[in-house]
C-alpha cells in the first residue's frame, strides 16, 4: 500500500534511532483507520498547512539535511482521496513527534457469493 509506505518512510527518516514509531489499524464505522505515530522531529504548525502540497517540504531542524522531493505525502493524500478516503497530520510542534491518520472505506467481500460463482463456472466445464 503506497499510501502507508510513503508515510512510514518519512517517519523512519525523521525519527531518531532511539525513537518509536507505532502503526495501528482498526475499522471504525465502515472505514479502515490507519494511524502512524512517531516520536520524531515533529512539525511546526505552519508546516501542517503545506506538507500535502506537491514539492513543499517542512524546514528540517538546524543541523539536519533536507531530503526527498516533497512528493510522498501529497501522493499519499491523492491516492487516499481517489479511493474515497483521506489523510491528515497532527503534531504538537517541533520536537514532539507527529501522527498521520489515513482513512479508507472498507469494501465488504462476500466470499460465499464469490465462491458459488466460481463453483458454477467450474461446473460449466464438466
PDB file of N, CA and C in Angstrom:
ATOM      1  N   UNK A   1       0.849  -1.160   0.000  1.00  0.00           N
ATOM      2  CA  UNK A   1       0.000   0.000   0.000  1.00  0.00           C
ATOM      3  C   UNK A   1       0.905   1.237   0.000  1.00  0.00           C
ATOM      4  N   UNK A   2       0.912   1.924  -1.110  1.00  0.00           N
ATOM      5  CA  UNK A   2       1.798   3.071  -1.312  1.00  0.00           C
ATOM      6  C   UNK A   2       1.527   4.197  -0.323  1.00  0.00           C
ATOM      7  N   UNK A   3       0.279   4.367   0.052  1.00  0.00           N
ATOM      8  CA  UNK A   3      -0.094   5.444   0.976  1.00  0.00           C
ATOM      9  C   UNK A   3       0.679   5.302   2.291  1.00  0.00           C
ATOM     10  N   UNK A   4       0.581   4.134   2.884  1.00  0.00           N
ATOM     11  CA  UNK A   4       1.227   3.882   4.176  1.00  0.00           C
ATOM     12  C   UNK A   4       2.741   3.858   4.024  1.00  0.00           C
ATOM     13  N   UNK A   5       3.218   3.303   2.930  1.00  0.00           N
ATOM     14  CA  UNK A   5       4.660   3.237   2.690  1.00  0.00           C
ATOM     15  C   UNK A   5       5.296   4.627   2.670  1.00  0.00           C
ATOM     16  N   UNK A   6       4.659   5.573   2.006  1.00  0.00           N
ATOM     17  CA  UNK A   6       5.197   6.936   1.943  1.00  0.00           C
ATOM     18  C   UNK A   6       5.256   7.578   3.328  1.00  0.00           C
ATOM     19  N   UNK A   7       4.209   7.384   4.100  1.00  0.00           N
ATOM     20  CA  UNK A   7       4.157   7.994   5.429  1.00  0.00           C
ATOM     21  C   UNK A   7       5.167   7.325   6.367  1.00  0.00           C
ATOM     22  N   UNK A   8       5.245   6.002   6.315  1.00  0.00           N
ATOM     23  CA  UNK A   8       6.227   5.289   7.142  1.00  0.00           C
ATOM     24  C   UNK A   8       7.653   5.679   6.778  1.00  0.00           C
ATOM     25  N   UNK A   9       7.904   5.856   5.503  1.00  0.00           N
ATOM     26  CA  UNK A   9       9.232   6.260   5.050  1.00  0.00           C
ATOM     27  C   UNK A   9       9.639   7.580   5.707  1.00  0.00           C
ATOM     28  N   UNK A  10       8.717   8.528   5.762  1.00  0.00           N
ATOM     29  CA  UNK A  10       9.010   9.807   6.424  1.00  0.00           C
ATOM     30  C   UNK A  10       9.211   9.627   7.923  1.00  0.00           C
ATOM     31  N   UNK A  11       8.376   8.800   8.541  1.00  0.00           N
ATOM     32  CA  UNK A  11       8.514   8.564   9.977  1.00  0.00           C
ATOM     33  C   UNK A  11       9.887   7.988  10.293  1.00  0.00           C
ATOM     34  N   UNK A  12      10.331   7.052   9.484  1.00  0.00           N
ATOM     35  CA  UNK A  12      11.647   6.439   9.679  1.00  0.00           C
ATOM     36  C   UNK A  12      12.752   7.475   9.481  1.00  0.00           C
ATOM     37  N   UNK A  13      12.589   8.286   8.459  1.00  0.00           N
ATOM     38  CA  UNK A  13      13.604   9.289   8.118  1.00  0.00           C
ATOM     39  C   UNK A  13      13.756  10.356   9.204  1.00  0.00           C
ATOM     40  N   UNK A  14      12.645  10.720   9.850  1.00  0.00           N
ATOM     41  CA  UNK A  14      12.674  11.843  10.778  1.00  0.00           C
ATOM     42  C   UNK A  14      12.508  11.452  12.249  1.00  0.00           C
ATOM     43  N   UNK A  15      12.697  10.168  12.549  1.00  0.00           N
ATOM     44  CA  UNK A  15      12.662   9.706  13.936  1.00  0.00           C
ATOM     45  C   UNK A  15      14.058   9.199  14.295  1.00  0.00           C
ATOM     46  N   UNK A  16      14.634   9.670  15.390  1.00  0.00           N
ATOM     47  CA  UNK A  16      15.979   9.220  15.766  1.00  0.00           C
ATOM     48  C   UNK A  16      16.001   7.724  16.070  1.00  0.00           C
ATOM     49  N   UNK A  17      17.190   7.155  16.068  1.00  0.00           N
ATOM     50  CA  UNK A  17      17.358   5.708  16.289  1.00  0.00           C
ATOM     51  C   UNK A  17      16.717   5.225  17.580  1.00  0.00           C
ATOM     52  N   UNK A  18      16.720   6.039  18.615  1.00  0.00           N
ATOM     53  CA  UNK A  18      16.116   5.619  19.879  1.00  0.00           C
ATOM     54  C   UNK A  18      14.634   6.006  19.969  1.00  0.00           C
ATOM     55  N   UNK A  19      14.077   6.510  18.871  1.00  0.00           N
ATOM     56  CA  UNK A  19      12.667   6.898  18.836  1.00  0.00           C
ATOM     57  C   UNK A  19      11.742   5.708  18.630  1.00  0.00           C
ATOM     58  N   UNK A  20      10.464   5.996  18.630  1.00  0.00           N
ATOM     59  CA  UNK A  20       9.447   4.951  18.495  1.00  0.00           C
ATOM     60  C   UNK A  20       8.469   5.337  17.391  1.00  0.00           C
ATOM     61  N   UNK A  21       8.140   4.362  16.561  1.00  0.00           N
ATOM     62  CA  UNK A  21       7.117   4.531  15.536  1.00  0.00           C
ATOM     63  C   UNK A  21       6.068   3.452  15.787  1.00  0.00           C
ATOM     64  N   UNK A  22       4.828   3.867  15.888  1.00  0.00           N
ATOM     65  CA  UNK A  22       3.752   2.892  16.084  1.00  0.00           C
ATOM     66  C   UNK A  22       2.769   2.989  14.923  1.00  0.00           C
ATOM     67  N   UNK A  23       2.256   1.837  14.536  1.00  0.00           N
ATOM     68  CA  UNK A  23       1.245   1.761  13.483  1.00  0.00           C
ATOM     69  C   UNK A  23       0.061   1.011  14.070  1.00  0.00           C
ATOM     70  N   UNK A  24      -1.098   1.602  13.965  1.00  0.00           N
ATOM     71  CA  UNK A  24      -2.312   0.976  14.480  1.00  0.00           C
ATOM     72  C   UNK A  24      -3.391   1.067  13.412  1.00  0.00           C
ATOM     73  N   UNK A  25      -4.108  -0.008  13.211  1.00  0.00           N
ATOM     74  CA  UNK A  25      -5.196  -0.020  12.231  1.00  0.00           C
ATOM     75  C   UNK A  25      -6.436  -0.631  12.863  1.00  0.00           C
ATOM     76  N   UNK A  26      -7.574  -0.022  12.583  1.00  0.00           N
ATOM     77  CA  UNK A  26      -8.832  -0.573  13.053  1.00  0.00           C
ATOM     78  C   UNK A  26      -9.961  -0.086  12.149  1.00  0.00           C
ATOM     79  N   UNK A  27     -11.045  -0.848  12.128  1.00  0.00           N
ATOM     80  CA  UNK A  27     -12.214  -0.466  11.353  1.00  0.00           C
ATOM     81  C   UNK A  27     -13.155   0.281  12.293  1.00  0.00           C
ATOM     82  N   UNK A  28     -13.521   1.493  11.880  1.00  0.00           N
ATOM     83  CA  UNK A  28     -14.416   2.343  12.654  1.00  0.00           C
ATOM     84  C   UNK A  28     -15.517   2.834  11.724  1.00  0.00           C
ATOM     85  N   UNK A  29     -16.748   2.491  12.032  1.00  0.00           N
ATOM     86  CA  UNK A  29     -17.906   2.946  11.249  1.00  0.00           C
ATOM     87  C   UNK A  29     -17.727   2.710   9.749  1.00  0.00           C
ATOM     88  N   UNK A  30     -17.244   1.548   9.371  1.00  0.00           N
ATOM     89  CA  UNK A  30     -17.119   1.205   7.960  1.00  0.00           C
ATOM     90  C   UNK A  30     -15.884   1.750   7.267  1.00  0.00           C
ATOM     91  N   UNK A  31     -14.997   2.374   8.019  1.00  0.00           N
ATOM     92  CA  UNK A  31     -13.747   2.895   7.443  1.00  0.00           C
ATOM     93  C   UNK A  31     -12.553   2.237   8.124  1.00  0.00           C
ATOM     94  N   UNK A  32     -11.543   1.939   7.332  1.00  0.00           N
ATOM     95  CA  UNK A  32     -10.272   1.481   7.880  1.00  0.00           C
ATOM     96  C   UNK A  32      -9.494   2.717   8.274  1.00  0.00           C
ATOM     97  N   UNK A  33      -9.108   2.805   9.542  1.00  0.00           N
ATOM     98  CA  UNK A  33      -8.327   3.932  10.029  1.00  0.00           C
ATOM     99  C   UNK A  33      -6.946   3.431  10.395  1.00  0.00           C
ATOM    100  N   UNK A  34      -5.926   3.977   9.734  1.00  0.00           N
ATOM    101  CA  UNK A  34      -4.542   3.610   9.994  1.00  0.00           C
ATOM    102  C   UNK A  34      -3.850   4.822  10.601  1.00  0.00           C
ATOM    103  N   UNK A  35      -3.289   4.634  11.793  1.00  0.00           N
ATOM    104  CA  UNK A  35      -2.585   5.724  12.480  1.00  0.00           C
ATOM    105  C   UNK A  35      -1.102   5.387  12.550  1.00  0.00           C
ATOM    106  N   UNK A  36      -0.290   6.308  12.075  1.00  0.00           N
ATOM    107  CA  UNK A  36       1.160   6.164  12.121  1.00  0.00           C
ATOM    108  C   UNK A  36       1.674   7.306  12.988  1.00  0.00           C
ATOM    109  N   UNK A  37       2.209   6.936  14.143  1.00  0.00           N
ATOM    110  CA  UNK A  37       2.646   7.941  15.113  1.00  0.00           C
ATOM    111  C   UNK A  37       4.121   7.734  15.406  1.00  0.00           C
ATOM    112  N   UNK A  38       4.857   8.839  15.509  1.00  0.00           N
ATOM    113  CA  UNK A  38       6.287   8.737  15.798  1.00  0.00           C
ATOM    114  C   UNK A  38       6.690   9.729  16.871  1.00  0.00           C
ATOM    115  N   UNK A  39       7.866   9.492  17.421  1.00  0.00           N
ATOM    116  CA  UNK A  39       8.439  10.395  18.414  1.00  0.00           C
ATOM    117  C   UNK A  39       9.563  11.205  17.785  1.00  0.00           C
ATOM    118  N   UNK A  40       9.427  11.472  16.501  1.00  0.00           N
ATOM    119  CA  UNK A  40      10.468  12.158  15.733  1.00  0.00           C
ATOM    120  C   UNK A  40      10.479  13.660  15.918  1.00  0.00           C
ATOM    121  N   UNK A  41      10.942  14.347  14.884  1.00  0.00           N
ATOM    122  CA  UNK A  41      11.203  15.783  14.962  1.00  0.00           C
ATOM    123  C   UNK A  41       9.953  16.637  15.040  1.00  0.00           C
ATOM    124  N   UNK A  42       8.804  16.064  14.743  1.00  0.00           N
ATOM    125  CA  UNK A  42       7.563  16.827  14.819  1.00  0.00           C
ATOM    126  C   UNK A  42       7.432  17.821  13.685  1.00  0.00           C
ATOM    127  N   UNK A  43       6.338  18.566  13.723  1.00  0.00           N
ATOM    128  CA  UNK A  43       6.046  19.532  12.663  1.00  0.00           C
ATOM    129  C   UNK A  43       5.644  20.871  13.265  1.00  0.00           C
ATOM    130  N   UNK A  44       6.157  21.917  12.664  1.00  0.00           N
ATOM    131  CA  UNK A  44       5.737  23.265  13.008  1.00  0.00           C
ATOM    132  C   UNK A  44       4.286  23.427  12.552  1.00  0.00           C
ATOM    133  N   UNK A  45       3.451  24.152  13.286  1.00  0.00           N
ATOM    134  CA  UNK A  45       2.057  24.332  12.868  1.00  0.00           C
ATOM    135  C   UNK A  45       1.907  24.848  11.438  1.00  0.00           C
ATOM    136  N   UNK A  46       2.805  25.711  10.990  1.00  0.00           N
ATOM    137  CA  UNK A  46       2.741  26.216   9.609  1.00  0.00           C
ATOM    138  C   UNK A  46       2.997  25.102   8.603  1.00  0.00           C
ATOM    139  N   UNK A  47       3.850  24.142   8.968  1.00  0.00           N
ATOM    140  CA  UNK A  47       4.157  23.030   8.067  1.00  0.00           C
ATOM    141  C   UNK A  47       2.937  22.141   7.857  1.00  0.00           C
ATOM    142  N   UNK A  48       2.086  22.034   8.861  1.00  0.00           N
ATOM    143  CA  UNK A  48       0.880  21.215   8.725  1.00  0.00           C
ATOM    144  C   UNK A  48      -0.007  21.716   7.589  1.00  0.00           C
ATOM    145  N   UNK A  49       0.086  22.998   7.269  1.00  0.00           N
ATOM    146  CA  UNK A  49      -0.707  23.571   6.185  1.00  0.00           C
ATOM    147  C   UNK A  49      -0.125  23.268   4.812  1.00  0.00           C
ATOM    148  N   UNK A  50       1.172  22.956   4.741  1.00  0.00           N
ATOM    149  CA  UNK A  50       1.819  22.846   3.427  1.00  0.00           C
ATOM    150  C   UNK A  50       2.388  21.467   3.089  1.00  0.00           C
ATOM    151  N   UNK A  51       2.494  20.550   4.040  1.00  0.00           N
ATOM    152  CA  UNK A  51       3.173  19.281   3.757  1.00  0.00           C
ATOM    153  C   UNK A  51       2.455  18.423   2.727  1.00  0.00           C
ATOM    154  N   UNK A  52       1.173  18.692   2.468  1.00  0.00           N
ATOM    155  CA  UNK A  52       0.450  17.921   1.471  1.00  0.00           C
ATOM    156  C   UNK A  52       0.393  18.623   0.115  1.00  0.00           C
ATOM    157  N   UNK A  53       1.176  19.703  -0.030  1.00  0.00           N
ATOM    158  CA  UNK A  53       1.286  20.407  -1.306  1.00  0.00           C
ATOM    159  C   UNK A  53       2.501  19.843  -2.041  1.00  0.00           C
ATOM    160  N   UNK A  54       2.303  19.495  -3.313  1.00  0.00           N
ATOM    161  CA  UNK A  54       3.370  18.880  -4.099  1.00  0.00           C
ATOM    162  C   UNK A  54       4.636  19.743  -4.094  1.00  0.00           C
ATOM    163  N   UNK A  55       5.753  19.118  -3.843  1.00  0.00           N
ATOM    164  CA  UNK A  55       7.098  19.703  -3.825  1.00  0.00           C
ATOM    165  C   UNK A  55       7.359  20.632  -2.643  1.00  0.00           C
ATOM    166  N   UNK A  56       6.439  20.723  -1.708  1.00  0.00           N
ATOM    167  CA  UNK A  56       6.659  21.514  -0.497  1.00  0.00           C
ATOM    168  C   UNK A  56       7.253  20.604   0.565  1.00  0.00           C
ATOM    169  N   UNK A  57       8.154  21.128   1.338  1.00  0.00           N
ATOM    170  CA  UNK A  57       8.758  20.372   2.423  1.00  0.00           C
ATOM    171  C   UNK A  57       8.798  21.242   3.662  1.00  0.00           C
ATOM    172  N   UNK A  58       8.629  20.605   4.799  1.00  0.00           N
ATOM    173  CA  UNK A  58       8.783  21.381   6.023  1.00  0.00           C
ATOM    174  C   UNK A  58      10.277  21.612   6.220  1.00  0.00           C
ATOM    175  N   UNK A  59      10.603  22.655   6.882  1.00  0.00           N
ATOM    176  CA  UNK A  59      12.005  23.000   7.113  1.00  0.00           C
ATOM    177  C   UNK A  59      12.567  22.100   8.208  1.00  0.00           C
ATOM    178  N   UNK A  60      13.641  21.350   7.905  1.00  0.00           N
ATOM    179  CA  UNK A  60      14.205  20.469   8.933  1.00  0.00           C
ATOM    180  C   UNK A  60      14.866  21.284  10.039  1.00  0.00           C
ATOM    181  N   UNK A  61      14.933  20.700  11.237  1.00  0.00           N
ATOM    182  CA  UNK A  61      15.617  21.403  12.328  1.00  0.00           C
ATOM    183  C   UNK A  61      17.067  21.690  11.942  1.00  0.00           C
ATOM    184  N   UNK A  62      17.638  22.681  12.552  1.00  0.00           N
ATOM    185  CA  UNK A  62      19.017  23.035  12.217  1.00  0.00           C
ATOM    186  C   UNK A  62      19.934  21.838  12.408  1.00  0.00           C
ATOM    187  N   UNK A  63      20.827  21.681  11.469  1.00  0.00           N
ATOM    188  CA  UNK A  63      21.771  20.575  11.538  1.00  0.00           C
ATOM    189  C   UNK A  63      21.311  19.336  10.784  1.00  0.00           C
ATOM    190  N   UNK A  64      20.037  19.281  10.407  1.00  0.00           N
ATOM    191  CA  UNK A  64      19.545  18.116   9.663  1.00  0.00           C
ATOM    192  C   UNK A  64      19.426  18.482   8.186  1.00  0.00           C
ATOM    193  N   UNK A  65      19.847  17.577   7.343  1.00  0.00           N
ATOM    194  CA  UNK A  65      19.827  17.807   5.905  1.00  0.00           C
ATOM    195  C   UNK A  65      18.434  17.505   5.364  1.00  0.00           C
ATOM    196  N   UNK A  66      17.920  18.416   4.545  1.00  0.00           N
ATOM    197  CA  UNK A  66      16.623  18.174   3.894  1.00  0.00           C
ATOM    198  C   UNK A  66      16.795  17.046   2.890  1.00  0.00           C
ATOM    199  N   UNK A  67      15.805  16.197   2.816  1.00  0.00           N
ATOM    200  CA  UNK A  67      15.889  15.093   1.862  1.00  0.00           C
ATOM    201  C   UNK A  67      14.537  14.864   1.223  1.00  0.00           C
ATOM    202  N   UNK A  68      14.545  14.216   0.077  1.00  0.00           N
ATOM    203  CA  UNK A  68      13.307  13.922  -0.626  1.00  0.00           C
ATOM    204  C   UNK A  68      12.907  15.054  -1.552  1.00  0.00           C
ATOM    205  N   UNK A  69      11.857  14.782  -2.317  1.00  0.00           N
ATOM    206  CA  UNK A  69      11.389  15.756  -3.294  1.00  0.00           C
ATOM    207  C   UNK A  69      10.116  16.477  -2.865  1.00  0.00           C
ATOM    208  N   UNK A  70       9.526  16.022  -1.783  1.00  0.00           N
ATOM    209  CA  UNK A  70       8.271  16.637  -1.359  1.00  0.00           C
ATOM    210  C   UNK A  70       7.077  16.126  -2.145  1.00  0.00           C
ATOM    211  N   UNK A  71       7.140  14.855  -2.572  1.00  0.00           N
ATOM    212  CA  UNK A  71       6.004  14.296  -3.309  1.00  0.00           C
ATOM    213  C   UNK A  71       5.314  13.141  -2.581  1.00  0.00           C
ATOM    214  N   UNK A  72       5.962  12.537  -1.607  1.00  0.00           N
ATOM    215  CA  UNK A  72       5.408  11.363  -0.930  1.00  0.00           C
ATOM    216  C   UNK A  72       4.099  11.634  -0.215  1.00  0.00           C
ATOM    217  N   UNK A  73       4.041  12.674   0.610  1.00  0.00           N
ATOM    218  CA  UNK A  73       2.817  12.971   1.350  1.00  0.00           C
ATOM    219  C   UNK A  73       1.690  13.460   0.443  1.00  0.00           C
ATOM    220  N   UNK A  74       1.976  14.360  -0.512  1.00  0.00           N
ATOM    221  CA  UNK A  74       0.894  14.751  -1.430  1.00  0.00           C
ATOM    222  C   UNK A  74       0.326  13.560  -2.215  1.00  0.00           C
ATOM    223  N   UNK A  75       1.203  12.672  -2.656  1.00  0.00           N
ATOM    224  CA  UNK A  75       0.713  11.496  -3.383  1.00  0.00           C
ATOM    225  C   UNK A  75      -0.113  10.599  -2.470  1.00  0.00           C
ATOM    226  N   UNK A  76       0.308  10.439  -1.234  1.00  0.00           N
ATOM    227  CA  UNK A  76      -0.458   9.629  -0.289  1.00  0.00           C
ATOM    228  C   UNK A  76      -1.868  10.177  -0.130  1.00  0.00           C
ATOM    229  N   UNK A  77      -1.965  11.477   0.028  1.00  0.00           N
ATOM    230  CA  UNK A  77      -3.292  12.088   0.174  1.00  0.00           C
ATOM    231  C   UNK A  77      -4.112  11.912  -1.102  1.00  0.00           C
ATOM    232  N   UNK A  78      -3.491  12.140  -2.260  1.00  0.00           N
ATOM    233  CA  UNK A  78      -4.223  11.989  -3.526  1.00  0.00           C
ATOM    234  C   UNK A  78      -4.707  10.559  -3.725  1.00  0.00           C
ATOM    235  N   UNK A  79      -3.852   9.578  -3.430  1.00  0.00           N
ATOM    236  CA  UNK A  79      -4.249   8.173  -3.570  1.00  0.00           C
ATOM    237  C   UNK A  79      -5.420   7.855  -2.637  1.00  0.00           C
ATOM    238  N   UNK A  80      -5.345   8.319  -1.397  1.00  0.00           N
ATOM    239  CA  UNK A  80      -6.426   8.063  -0.439  1.00  0.00           C
ATOM    240  C   UNK A  80      -7.731   8.695  -0.931  1.00  0.00           C
ATOM    241  N   UNK A  81      -7.656   9.932  -1.408  1.00  0.00           N
ATOM    242  CA  UNK A  81      -8.853  10.617  -1.893  1.00  0.00           C
ATOM    243  C   UNK A  81      -9.428   9.930  -3.132  1.00  0.00           C
ATOM    244  N   UNK A  82      -8.562   9.393  -3.985  1.00  0.00           N
ATOM    245  CA  UNK A  82      -9.029   8.665  -5.169  1.00  0.00           C
ATOM    246  C   UNK A  82      -9.846   7.439  -4.775  1.00  0.00           C
ATOM    247  N   UNK A  83      -9.583   6.901  -3.587  1.00  0.00           N
ATOM    248  CA  UNK A  83     -10.294   5.722  -3.101  1.00  0.00           C
ATOM    249  C   UNK A  83     -11.388   6.078  -2.099  1.00  0.00           C
ATOM    250  N   UNK A  84     -11.736   7.359  -2.027  1.00  0.00           N
ATOM    251  CA  UNK A  84     -12.808   7.791  -1.133  1.00  0.00           C
ATOM    252  C   UNK A  84     -12.377   7.995   0.301  1.00  0.00           C
ATOM    253  N   UNK A  85     -11.079   8.129   0.529  1.00  0.00           N
ATOM    254  CA  UNK A  85     -10.557   8.291   1.882  1.00  0.00           C
ATOM    255  C   UNK A  85      -9.908   9.640   2.101  1.00  0.00           C
ATOM    256  N   UNK A  86      -9.065   9.693   3.120  1.00  0.00           N
ATOM    257  CA  UNK A  86      -8.386  10.947   3.454  1.00  0.00           C
ATOM    258  C   UNK A  86      -7.088  10.657   4.200  1.00  0.00           C
ATOM    259  N   UNK A  87      -6.242  11.671   4.264  1.00  0.00           N
ATOM    260  CA  UNK A  87      -5.015  11.630   5.062  1.00  0.00           C
ATOM    261  C   UNK A  87      -4.864  12.993   5.718  1.00  0.00           C
ATOM    262  N   UNK A  88      -4.602  12.993   7.004  1.00  0.00           N
ATOM    263  CA  UNK A  88      -4.282  14.255   7.657  1.00  0.00           C
ATOM    264  C   UNK A  88      -3.180  14.019   8.680  1.00  0.00           C
ATOM    265  N   UNK A  89      -2.563  15.109   9.103  1.00  0.00           N
ATOM    266  CA  UNK A  89      -1.446  15.029  10.045  1.00  0.00           C
ATOM    267  C   UNK A  89      -1.718  15.944  11.223  1.00  0.00           C
ATOM    268  N   UNK A  90      -1.090  15.585  12.333  1.00  0.00           N
ATOM    269  CA  UNK A  90      -1.122  16.466  13.501  1.00  0.00           C
ATOM    270  C   UNK A  90       0.197  16.329  14.244  1.00  0.00           C
ATOM    271  N   UNK A  91       0.548  17.390  14.921  1.00  0.00           N
ATOM    272  CA  UNK A  91       1.766  17.406  15.711  1.00  0.00           C
ATOM    273  C   UNK A  91       1.619  18.505  16.753  1.00  0.00           C
ATOM    274  N   UNK A  92       2.169  18.257  17.916  1.00  0.00           N
ATOM    275  CA  UNK A  92       2.125  19.280  18.964  1.00  0.00           C
ATOM    276  C   UNK A  92       3.262  20.281  18.812  1.00  0.00           C
ATOM    277  N   UNK A  93       4.060  20.113  17.765  1.00  0.00           N
ATOM    278  CA  UNK A  93       5.128  21.071  17.496  1.00  0.00           C
ATOM    279  C   UNK A  93       6.468  20.408  17.278  1.00  0.00           C
ATOM    280  N   UNK A  94       7.437  21.229  16.964  1.00  0.00           N
ATOM    281  CA  UNK A  94       8.786  20.752  16.688  1.00  0.00           C
ATOM    282  C   UNK A  94       9.334  20.020  17.909  1.00  0.00           C
ATOM    283  N   UNK A  95       9.889  18.840  17.661  1.00  0.00           N
ATOM    284  CA  UNK A  95      10.473  18.033  18.720  1.00  0.00           C
ATOM    285  C   UNK A  95       9.473  17.154  19.458  1.00  0.00           C
ATOM    286  N   UNK A  96       8.201  17.201  19.052  1.00  0.00           N
ATOM    287  CA  UNK A  96       7.168  16.470  19.791  1.00  0.00           C
ATOM    288  C   UNK A  96       6.498  15.361  18.977  1.00  0.00           C
ATOM    289  N   UNK A  97       7.133  14.939  17.897  1.00  0.00           N
ATOM    290  CA  UNK A  97       6.592  13.840  17.112  1.00  0.00           C
ATOM    291  C   UNK A  97       5.428  14.250  16.229  1.00  0.00           C
ATOM    292  N   UNK A  98       4.948  13.284  15.459  1.00  0.00           N
ATOM    293  CA  UNK A  98       3.859  13.521  14.521  1.00  0.00           C
ATOM    294  C   UNK A  98       2.935  12.322  14.501  1.00  0.00           C
ATOM    295  N   UNK A  99       1.723  12.562  14.048  1.00  0.00           N
ATOM    296  CA  UNK A  99       0.787  11.466  13.819  1.00  0.00           C
ATOM    297  C   UNK A  99       0.084  11.720  12.497  1.00  0.00           C
ATOM    298  N   UNK A 100       0.049  10.694  11.674  1.00  0.00           N
ATOM    299  CA  UNK A 100      -0.655  10.744  10.397  1.00  0.00           C
ATOM    300  C   UNK A 100      -1.795   9.739  10.464  1.00  0.00           C
ATOM    301  N   UNK A 101      -2.954  10.168  10.012  1.00  0.00           N
ATOM    302  CA  UNK A 101      -4.135   9.308  10.043  1.00  0.00           C
ATOM    303  C   UNK A 101      -4.641   9.131   8.620  1.00  0.00           C
ATOM    304  N   UNK A 102      -4.698   7.876   8.198  1.00  0.00           N
ATOM    305  CA  UNK A 102      -5.207   7.511   6.876  1.00  0.00           C
ATOM    306  C   UNK A 102      -6.567   6.849   7.099  1.00  0.00           C
ATOM    307  N   UNK A 103      -7.561   7.305   6.369  1.00  0.00           N
ATOM    308  CA  UNK A 103      -8.895   6.713   6.444  1.00  0.00           C
ATOM    309  C   UNK A 103      -9.301   6.265   5.050  1.00  0.00           C
ATOM    310  N   UNK A 104      -9.718   5.001   4.950  1.00  0.00           N
ATOM    311  CA  UNK A 104     -10.165   4.440   3.675  1.00  0.00           C
ATOM    312  C   UNK A 104     -11.454   3.660   3.899  1.00  0.00           C
ATOM    313  N   UNK A 105     -12.397   3.741   2.958  1.00  0.00           N
ATOM    314  CA  UNK A 105     -13.620   2.960   3.116  1.00  0.00           C
ATOM    315  C   UNK A 105     -13.324   1.468   3.019  1.00  0.00           C
ATOM    316  N   UNK A 106     -14.044   0.686   3.812  1.00  0.00           N
ATOM    317  CA  UNK A 106     -13.887  -0.767   3.794  1.00  0.00           C
ATOM    318  C   UNK A 106     -14.852  -1.337   2.758  1.00  0.00           C
ATOM    319  N   UNK A 107     -14.329  -2.184   1.909  1.00  0.00           N
ATOM    320  CA  UNK A 107     -15.166  -2.866   0.930  1.00  0.00           C
ATOM    321  C   UNK A 107     -15.474  -4.251   1.458  1.00  0.00           C
ATOM    322  N   UNK A 108     -16.731  -4.590   1.522  1.00  0.00           N
ATOM    323  CA  UNK A 108     -17.102  -5.912   2.001  1.00  0.00           C
ATOM    324  C   UNK A 108     -16.941  -6.918   0.870  1.00  0.00           C
ATOM    325  N   UNK A 109     -16.294  -7.989   1.166  1.00  0.00           N
ATOM    326  CA  UNK A 109     -16.139  -9.069   0.197  1.00  0.00           C
ATOM    327  C   UNK A 109     -17.095 -10.168   0.609  1.00  0.00           C
ATOM    328  N   UNK A 110     -17.958 -10.483  -0.257  1.00  0.00           N
ATOM    329  CA  UNK A 110     -18.930 -11.535   0.020  1.00  0.00           C
ATOM    330  C   UNK A 110     -18.359 -12.845  -0.496  1.00  0.00           C
ATOM    331  N   UNK A 111     -17.600 -13.520   0.377  1.00  0.00           N
ATOM    332  CA  UNK A 111     -16.896 -14.740  -0.008  1.00  0.00           C
ATOM    333  C   UNK A 111     -17.840 -15.839  -0.473  1.00  0.00           C
ATOM    334  N   UNK A 112     -18.946 -16.013   0.219  1.00  0.00           N
ATOM    335  CA  UNK A 112     -19.857 -17.094  -0.149  1.00  0.00           C
ATOM    336  C   UNK A 112     -20.371 -16.894  -1.574  1.00  0.00           C
ATOM    337  N   UNK A 113     -20.748 -15.665  -1.916  1.00  0.00           N
ATOM    338  CA  UNK A 113     -21.237 -15.385  -3.264  1.00  0.00           C
ATOM    339  C   UNK A 113     -20.128 -15.582  -4.288  1.00  0.00           C
ATOM    340  N   UNK A 114     -18.935 -15.123  -3.973  1.00  0.00           N
ATOM    341  CA  UNK A 114     -17.809 -15.277  -4.891  1.00  0.00           C
ATOM    342  C   UNK A 114     -17.473 -16.747  -5.098  1.00  0.00           C
ATOM    343  N   UNK A 115     -17.513 -17.527  -4.032  1.00  0.00           N
ATOM    344  CA  UNK A 115     -17.195 -18.952  -4.144  1.00  0.00           C
ATOM    345  C   UNK A 115     -18.252 -19.685  -4.961  1.00  0.00           C
ATOM    346  N   UNK A 116     -19.530 -19.361  -4.769  1.00  0.00           N
ATOM    347  CA  UNK A 116     -20.566 -20.057  -5.527  1.00  0.00           C
ATOM    348  C   UNK A 116     -20.466 -19.708  -7.002  1.00  0.00           C
ATOM    349  N   UNK A 117     -20.072 -18.474  -7.334  1.00  0.00           N
ATOM    350  CA  UNK A 117     -19.878 -18.091  -8.725  1.00  0.00           C
ATOM    351  C   UNK A 117     -18.725 -18.882  -9.322  1.00  0.00           C
ATOM    352  N   UNK A 118     -17.656 -19.046  -8.560  1.00  0.00           N
ATOM    353  CA  UNK A 118     -16.511 -19.813  -9.052  1.00  0.00           C
ATOM    354  C   UNK A 118     -16.880 -21.271  -9.263  1.00  0.00           C
ATOM    355  N   UNK A 119     -17.655 -21.849  -8.362  1.00  0.00           N
ATOM    356  CA  UNK A 119     -18.071 -23.236  -8.496  1.00  0.00           C
ATOM    357  C   UNK A 119     -18.946 -23.395  -9.730  1.00  0.00           C
ATOM    358  N   UNK A 120     -19.875 -22.461  -9.933  1.00  0.00           N
ATOM    359  CA  UNK A 120     -20.752 -22.537 -11.097  1.00  0.00           C
ATOM    360  C   UNK A 120     -19.954 -22.496 -12.387  1.00  0.00           C
ATOM    361  N   UNK A 121     -18.975 -21.620 -12.461  1.00  0.00           N
ATOM    362  CA  UNK A 121     -18.145 -21.535 -13.662  1.00  0.00           C
ATOM    363  C   UNK A 121     -17.347 -22.822 -13.857  1.00  0.00           C
ATOM    364  N   UNK A 122     -16.854 -23.364 -12.747  1.00  0.00           N
ATOM    365  CA  UNK A 122     -16.098 -24.628 -12.827  1.00  0.00           C
ATOM    366  C   UNK A 122     -17.006 -25.734 -13.331  1.00  0.00           C
ATOM    367  N   UNK A 123     -18.225 -25.807 -12.827  1.00  0.00           N
ATOM    368  CA  UNK A 123     -19.146 -26.870 -13.204  1.00  0.00           C
ATOM    369  C   UNK A 123     -19.558 -26.768 -14.667  1.00  0.00           C
ATOM    370  N   UNK A 124     -19.515 -25.587 -15.244  1.00  0.00           N
ATOM    371  CA  UNK A 124     -19.881 -25.414 -16.641  1.00  0.00           C
ATOM    372  C   UNK A 124     -18.954 -26.200 -17.569  1.00  0.00           C
ATOM    373  N   UNK A 125     -17.732 -26.421 -17.140  1.00  0.00           N
ATOM    374  CA  UNK A 125     -16.778 -27.120 -17.984  1.00  0.00           C
ATOM    375  C   UNK A 125     -16.982 -28.631 -17.964  1.00  0.00           C
ATOM    376  N   UNK A 126     -17.802 -29.168 -17.060  1.00  0.00           N
ATOM    377  CA  UNK A 126     -17.979 -30.619 -16.944  1.00  0.00           C
ATOM    378  C   UNK A 126     -19.393 -31.038 -17.227  1.00  0.00           C
TER     379      UNK A 126
END
